[in-house]
Amino acid sequence: MSPYLLTRTLPEDATGAALRADVLHGLTRTPKSLPPKWFYDARGSALFDEITTLPEYYPTRAEREILVTRSGEIAEVTGARTLVELGSGSSEKTRHLIDALPALHTYVPVDVSESALTGAANTLLAERPALNVHALIADFTRGLALPGTPGPRLVAFLGGTIGNLLPAERAAFLTSVRGLLSPGDALLLGTDLVKDESVLVSAYDDGTGVTAAFNKNVLHVVNRELGADFDPDAFAHVAVWDRDQEWIEMRLRARAAQTVKVPALDLAVHFEEGEDLRTEISAKFREEVVKSELAQAGLSLTHWWTDERGRFALSLSTPA
């Protein structure tokens, strides 16, 4: 096969159609919300990269620590010949796994961004010319068909991104991943762990304001793509720990009563002073909860690794 293949499973306008649907649904419901995936245009991705270097934001460093110290063990346990990464982005952290898998034949990055996939593939192949890369332009939350590649396969979903899904969405997602796995395949899942509230809130509300700019970037995206007239300065960044749900909520809080127009949707949206627009949940987990949610999806937890300080976990599960 060619060392780089790109398969599009989304229609050309799928991203625009999804944005319009999400904005219409989110801004006409109570309470108002927008999905966090719309943070990540080029500016949002750059801001998030900056967030991962902040002293308050531990998840990226903690997960990388696990990958550096445990990739050899993960490789030995799985013997994977195909590595599938959901929401691959720059594929930066995955390099530790790629280099640790001696029998790896094909890497399958999955992302909605063609430019991110191509950029990551070019970097990987320049450093690892023997690797085959079959990239998929796909939304893994809406069902996925994997290309025919050698098994066993290791499906990786890193970064704690599963925490951005509501419980029912997590259940549906894990069930769909289970449907992709054959005997001998495995799922490597990254989950941020429950910890002191002050540590969690600081990670999502840094003192330099980078996370606030990242949060407000969703308004810039809606303005640019749908012609909306959001004034990002008219909203304050808020991060709240929900003890009952054990998740962080990022919100944008209206500083004053205002009406926002979204011409592409023929929509006018009124905000009362102090009204919140939820832009992200980030659930934090306990081992027993992860084990239970995997089991409900037909997956059996076999390995559990954390960083030295117990802040973040990678778990390995196989079809039950």
Protein backbone atom coordinates (compact mmCIF):
# COMPACT_ATOMS: atom_id res chain seq x y z
CA MET A 1 0.00 0.00 0.00
CA SER A 2 1.01 3.63 -0.32
CA PRO A 3 2.60 4.90 2.91
CA TYR A 4 -0.18 7.51 3.17
CA LEU A 5 -3.84 7.05 2.33
CA LEU A 6 -6.63 9.47 3.15
CA THR A 7 -10.26 8.36 3.21
CA ARG A 8 -13.10 10.82 3.63
CA THR A 9 -16.20 9.39 5.28
CA LEU A 10 -17.80 12.79 5.88
CA PRO A 11 -19.51 14.80 3.13
CA GLU A 12 -17.66 17.97 2.14
CA ASP A 13 -20.15 20.21 3.98
CA ALA A 14 -20.59 17.90 6.97
CA THR A 15 -18.70 20.22 9.32
CA GLY A 16 -20.72 23.28 8.34
CA ALA A 17 -24.00 21.39 8.58
CA ALA A 18 -23.06 20.02 12.02
CA LEU A 19 -22.13 23.50 13.25
CA ARG A 20 -25.44 24.94 12.10
CA ALA A 21 -27.38 22.10 13.73
CA ASP A 22 -25.46 22.33 17.01
CA VAL A 23 -25.76 26.11 17.27
CA LEU A 24 -29.49 26.06 16.49
CA HIS A 25 -30.13 23.29 19.02
CA GLY A 26 -27.84 24.69 21.70
CA LEU A 27 -28.96 28.31 21.61
CA THR A 28 -32.68 27.51 21.59
CA ARG A 29 -32.65 25.11 24.54
CA THR A 30 -32.68 25.83 28.27
CA PRO A 31 -30.07 26.09 29.61
CA LYS A 32 -28.14 27.22 26.54
CA SER A 33 -25.08 25.23 25.45
CA LEU A 34 -22.59 24.69 22.66
CA PRO A 35 -20.48 21.54 22.12
CA PRO A 36 -16.76 21.88 22.95
CA LYS A 37 -15.65 20.53 19.58
CA TRP A 38 -16.27 24.01 18.12
CA PHE A 39 -13.41 25.49 20.15
CA TYR A 40 -10.93 23.95 17.77
CA ASP A 41 -10.37 26.07 14.71
CA ALA A 42 -6.73 27.04 14.02
CA ARG A 43 -6.78 29.75 16.71
CA GLY A 44 -8.51 27.49 19.23
CA SER A 45 -6.06 24.66 18.62
CA ALA A 46 -3.14 27.04 19.16
CA LEU A 47 -4.69 28.30 22.38
CA PHE A 48 -5.23 24.75 23.62
CA ASP A 49 -1.60 23.90 22.84
CA GLU A 50 -0.68 26.88 25.02
CA ILE A 51 -3.00 25.66 27.78
CA THR A 52 -1.20 22.30 27.89
CA THR A 53 2.03 24.11 28.85
CA LEU A 54 0.49 26.06 31.75
CA PRO A 55 1.54 24.99 35.26
CA GLU A 56 -2.11 24.70 36.33
CA TYR A 57 -3.04 22.32 33.51
CA TYR A 58 -1.72 18.91 34.56
CA PRO A 59 -3.65 16.39 32.36
CA THR A 60 -1.41 16.53 29.29
CA ARG A 61 1.79 16.15 31.32
CA ALA A 62 0.32 13.40 33.47
CA GLU A 63 -0.89 11.39 30.47
CA ARG A 64 2.43 11.84 28.68
CA GLU A 65 4.22 10.53 31.77
CA ILE A 66 2.14 7.35 31.62
CA LEU A 67 2.77 6.92 27.90
CA VAL A 68 6.52 7.41 28.33
CA THR A 69 6.76 4.90 31.17
CA ARG A 70 4.13 2.35 30.09
CA SER A 71 4.13 2.26 26.28
CA GLY A 72 6.47 -0.73 26.27
CA GLU A 73 4.13 -2.63 28.57
CA ILE A 74 1.10 -1.63 26.49
CA ALA A 75 2.88 -2.87 23.38
CA GLU A 76 3.80 -6.17 25.01
CA VAL A 77 0.27 -6.78 26.28
CA THR A 78 -1.52 -5.90 23.04
CA GLY A 79 0.94 -6.97 20.32
CA ALA A 80 -0.90 -4.48 18.11
CA ARG A 81 -0.20 -4.40 14.38
CA THR A 82 -2.70 -1.59 13.79
CA LEU A 83 -3.03 1.48 16.00
CA VAL A 84 -6.26 3.47 15.59
CA GLU A 85 -6.40 6.88 17.25
CA LEU A 86 -9.75 8.62 17.65
CA GLY A 87 -9.53 12.41 17.63
CA SER A 88 -5.88 12.21 16.65
CA GLY A 89 -5.15 15.92 16.11
CA SER A 90 -1.39 16.39 15.85
CA SER A 91 -0.69 12.74 16.87
CA GLU A 92 2.01 14.14 19.15
CA LYS A 93 1.48 11.95 22.21
CA THR A 94 0.82 8.86 20.11
CA ARG A 95 4.43 8.79 18.91
CA HIS A 96 5.38 7.10 22.18
CA LEU A 97 3.02 4.24 21.35
CA ILE A 98 4.04 4.07 17.70
CA ASP A 99 7.71 3.75 18.61
CA ALA A 100 6.99 1.13 21.27
CA LEU A 101 4.99 -1.22 19.03
CA PRO A 102 7.58 -3.44 17.27
CA ALA A 103 5.03 -5.18 15.05
CA LEU A 104 3.11 -2.06 14.09
CA HIS A 105 2.07 -2.13 10.44
CA THR A 106 -0.49 0.67 10.11
CA TYR A 107 -1.47 3.79 12.01
CA VAL A 108 -5.07 4.95 11.48
CA PRO A 109 -5.60 8.51 12.74
CA VAL A 110 -9.24 9.62 12.83
CA ASP A 111 -10.18 13.30 12.90
CA VAL A 112 -12.64 15.74 11.32
CA SER A 113 -9.79 18.00 10.17
CA GLU A 114 -8.10 17.05 6.90
CA SER A 115 -5.32 19.58 7.48
CA ALA A 116 -4.53 18.16 10.93
CA LEU A 117 -4.45 14.61 9.55
CA THR A 118 -2.21 15.48 6.61
CA GLY A 119 0.15 17.57 8.70
CA ALA A 120 0.54 14.86 11.33
CA ALA A 121 1.01 12.16 8.69
CA ASN A 122 3.74 14.12 6.90
CA THR A 123 5.63 14.58 10.17
CA LEU A 124 5.29 10.93 11.15
CA LEU A 125 6.34 9.58 7.75
CA ALA A 126 9.35 11.88 7.56
CA GLU A 127 10.59 10.33 10.80
CA ARG A 128 9.25 6.79 10.27
CA PRO A 129 9.24 6.00 6.52
CA ALA A 130 8.42 2.32 7.08
CA LEU A 131 5.10 3.17 8.72
CA ASN A 132 1.82 2.97 6.79
CA VAL A 133 -0.69 5.71 7.61
CA HIS A 134 -4.34 5.41 6.60
CA ALA A 135 -6.08 8.56 7.79
CA LEU A 136 -9.85 8.85 8.13
CA ILE A 137 -11.76 12.13 7.91
CA ALA A 138 -14.60 11.08 10.17
CA ASP A 139 -16.67 12.01 13.20
CA PHE A 140 -16.09 9.09 15.53
CA THR A 141 -19.08 10.08 17.69
CA ARG A 142 -21.45 9.32 14.80
CA GLY A 143 -20.35 5.76 14.02
CA LEU A 144 -17.21 4.61 12.31
CA ALA A 145 -16.07 1.93 9.87
CA LEU A 146 -12.39 1.03 10.06
CA PRO A 147 -10.31 0.12 7.01
CA GLY A 148 -9.11 -3.43 6.52
CA THR A 149 -5.78 -3.52 8.36
CA PRO A 150 -3.85 -6.28 10.11
CA GLY A 151 -4.86 -7.31 13.62
CA PRO A 152 -4.66 -7.20 16.48
CA ARG A 153 -5.82 -3.60 16.60
CA LEU A 154 -5.37 -1.14 19.44
CA VAL A 155 -7.93 1.68 19.48
CA ALA A 156 -6.67 4.69 21.46
CA PHE A 157 -8.86 7.49 22.77
CA LEU A 158 -6.56 9.75 24.73
CA GLY A 159 -6.51 13.15 26.40
CA GLY A 160 -9.45 12.56 28.71
CA THR A 161 -11.70 13.59 25.82
CA ILE A 162 -14.30 11.00 26.83
CA GLY A 163 -15.03 13.30 29.76
CA ASN A 164 -16.52 15.84 27.34
CA LEU A 165 -19.39 13.45 26.68
CA LEU A 166 -22.51 13.30 28.81
CA PRO A 167 -23.15 9.91 30.49
CA ALA A 168 -25.63 8.74 27.82
CA GLU A 169 -23.24 9.89 25.09
CA ARG A 170 -20.36 8.02 26.76
CA ALA A 171 -22.43 4.86 26.89
CA ALA A 172 -23.31 5.12 23.20
CA PHE A 173 -19.70 5.91 22.28
CA LEU A 174 -18.21 3.00 24.22
CA THR A 175 -20.80 0.64 22.74
CA SER A 176 -19.88 1.82 19.23
CA VAL A 177 -16.17 1.27 19.96
CA ARG A 178 -16.93 -2.22 21.24
CA GLY A 179 -18.57 -2.89 17.89
CA LEU A 180 -15.29 -2.10 16.13
CA LEU A 181 -13.27 -4.63 18.12
CA SER A 182 -12.60 -8.24 17.22
CA PRO A 183 -11.19 -10.87 19.58
CA GLY A 184 -7.61 -9.89 20.40
CA ASP A 185 -8.23 -6.16 19.87
CA ALA A 186 -8.16 -3.64 22.72
CA LEU A 187 -9.19 -0.12 23.74
CA LEU A 188 -6.70 2.25 25.39
CA LEU A 189 -8.70 4.98 27.16
CA GLY A 190 -7.44 8.16 28.82
CA THR A 191 -9.44 9.44 31.80
CA ASP A 192 -8.77 12.34 34.15
CA LEU A 193 -9.35 11.39 37.78
CA VAL A 194 -11.34 12.97 40.60
CA LYS A 195 -9.13 15.12 42.83
CA ASP A 196 -9.16 18.23 44.99
CA GLU A 197 -11.62 20.85 43.72
CA SER A 198 -9.07 23.67 43.83
CA VAL A 199 -6.69 21.74 41.56
CA LEU A 200 -9.48 21.02 39.10
CA VAL A 201 -10.86 24.56 38.95
CA SER A 202 -7.37 26.05 38.54
CA ALA A 203 -6.74 23.74 35.58
CA TYR A 204 -9.73 25.26 33.79
CA ASP A 205 -9.37 28.86 34.98
CA ASP A 206 -5.69 29.79 34.80
CA GLY A 207 -4.43 33.07 36.15
CA THR A 208 -3.10 34.30 32.80
CA GLY A 209 -6.46 34.07 31.03
CA VAL A 210 -5.46 31.63 28.29
CA THR A 211 -8.34 29.28 29.12
CA ALA A 212 -10.75 32.22 29.11
CA ALA A 213 -9.59 33.15 25.60
CA PHE A 214 -9.94 29.51 24.54
CA ASN A 215 -13.47 29.35 25.94
CA LYS A 216 -14.52 32.55 24.18
CA ASN A 217 -13.06 31.31 20.92
CA VAL A 218 -16.26 29.35 20.30
CA LEU A 219 -18.02 32.72 19.94
CA HIS A 220 -15.45 33.82 17.34
CA VAL A 221 -16.11 30.59 15.42
CA VAL A 222 -19.89 31.14 15.41
CA ASN A 223 -19.38 34.78 14.39
CA ARG A 224 -17.09 33.86 11.49
CA GLU A 225 -18.96 30.83 10.20
CA LEU A 226 -22.57 31.88 10.77
CA GLY A 227 -22.34 35.68 10.66
CA ALA A 228 -23.33 36.04 14.34
CA ASP A 229 -22.65 39.22 16.29
CA PHE A 230 -21.49 37.82 19.63
CA ASP A 231 -19.32 40.28 21.55
CA PRO A 232 -16.88 37.97 23.37
CA ASP A 233 -16.04 40.78 25.82
CA ALA A 234 -19.70 40.79 26.89
CA PHE A 235 -19.24 37.32 28.40
CA ALA A 236 -17.14 36.20 31.35
CA HIS A 237 -15.32 32.87 31.52
CA VAL A 238 -16.51 30.66 34.38
CA ALA A 239 -15.28 27.25 35.56
CA VAL A 240 -17.39 25.39 38.13
CA TRP A 241 -16.92 22.02 39.83
CA ASP A 242 -20.17 20.01 40.05
CA ARG A 243 -19.67 17.74 43.06
CA ASP A 244 -22.72 15.60 42.34
CA GLN A 245 -21.85 14.87 38.71
CA GLU A 246 -18.10 14.98 39.36
CA TRP A 247 -17.36 17.14 36.36
CA ILE A 248 -16.03 20.59 35.59
CA GLU A 249 -18.35 22.87 33.65
CA MET A 250 -16.94 25.68 31.53
CA ARG A 251 -19.45 28.42 30.91
CA LEU A 252 -19.69 31.85 29.34
CA ARG A 253 -21.72 34.19 31.56
CA ALA A 254 -23.49 37.20 30.09
CA ARG A 255 -22.21 40.38 31.76
CA ALA A 256 -25.42 42.24 30.81
CA ALA A 257 -28.75 41.55 29.15
CA GLN A 258 -28.22 41.32 25.39
CA THR A 259 -29.62 39.88 22.17
CA VAL A 260 -27.34 38.08 19.72
CA LYS A 261 -28.28 37.65 16.07
CA VAL A 262 -27.22 34.62 14.03
CA PRO A 263 -28.17 35.50 10.42
CA ALA A 264 -27.26 32.13 8.90
CA LEU A 265 -29.93 30.55 11.11
CA ASP A 266 -32.37 33.48 10.99
CA LEU A 267 -32.09 33.42 14.78
CA ALA A 268 -32.13 36.04 17.54
CA VAL A 269 -31.03 34.80 20.96
CA HIS A 270 -31.67 36.76 24.15
CA PHE A 271 -29.42 36.46 27.19
CA GLU A 272 -30.37 37.79 30.60
CA GLU A 273 -27.65 39.37 32.73
CA GLY A 274 -25.84 36.54 34.53
CA GLU A 275 -27.22 33.85 32.22
CA ASP A 276 -24.79 31.04 31.44
CA LEU A 277 -23.96 29.39 28.14
CA ARG A 278 -22.37 26.01 28.85
CA THR A 279 -19.49 25.27 26.49
CA GLU A 280 -17.92 22.15 28.01
CA ILE A 281 -18.24 19.50 30.62
CA SER A 282 -15.11 17.64 31.61
CA ALA A 283 -16.01 14.61 33.69
CA LYS A 284 -13.49 13.22 36.15
CA PHE A 285 -13.47 9.53 36.92
CA ARG A 286 -12.82 6.88 39.53
CA GLU A 287 -11.49 3.44 38.60
CA GLU A 288 -14.70 1.68 39.64
CA VAL A 289 -16.78 4.03 37.46
CA VAL A 290 -14.57 3.44 34.41
CA LYS A 291 -14.73 -0.32 34.99
CA SER A 292 -18.53 -0.20 35.27
CA GLU A 293 -19.06 1.94 32.17
CA LEU A 294 -16.75 -0.30 30.14
CA ALA A 295 -18.57 -3.40 31.35
CA GLN A 296 -21.94 -1.96 30.37
CA ALA A 297 -20.56 -1.54 26.84
CA GLY A 298 -19.29 -5.12 26.69
CA LEU A 299 -15.66 -4.38 27.54
CA SER A 300 -13.54 -5.90 30.29
CA LEU A 301 -10.97 -3.74 32.10
CA THR A 302 -7.65 -5.60 32.14
CA HIS A 303 -5.03 -2.95 32.99
CA TRP A 304 -5.03 0.37 34.87
CA TRP A 305 -2.06 2.73 34.86
CA THR A 306 -1.73 6.15 36.50
CA ASP A 307 0.96 8.79 36.66
CA GLU A 308 3.10 8.82 39.80
CA ARG A 309 0.83 11.36 41.53
CA GLY A 310 -2.40 9.53 40.63
CA ARG A 311 -3.90 12.40 38.68
CA PHE A 312 -4.68 10.70 35.37
CA ALA A 313 -5.25 7.13 34.19
CA LEU A 314 -4.84 5.04 31.07
CA SER A 315 -6.91 1.89 31.04
CA LEU A 316 -6.78 -1.09 28.71
CA SER A 317 -9.91 -3.09 28.02
CA THR A 318 -10.80 -5.97 25.72
CA PRO A 319 -14.07 -7.37 24.32
CA ALA A 320 -15.85 -9.23 27.10
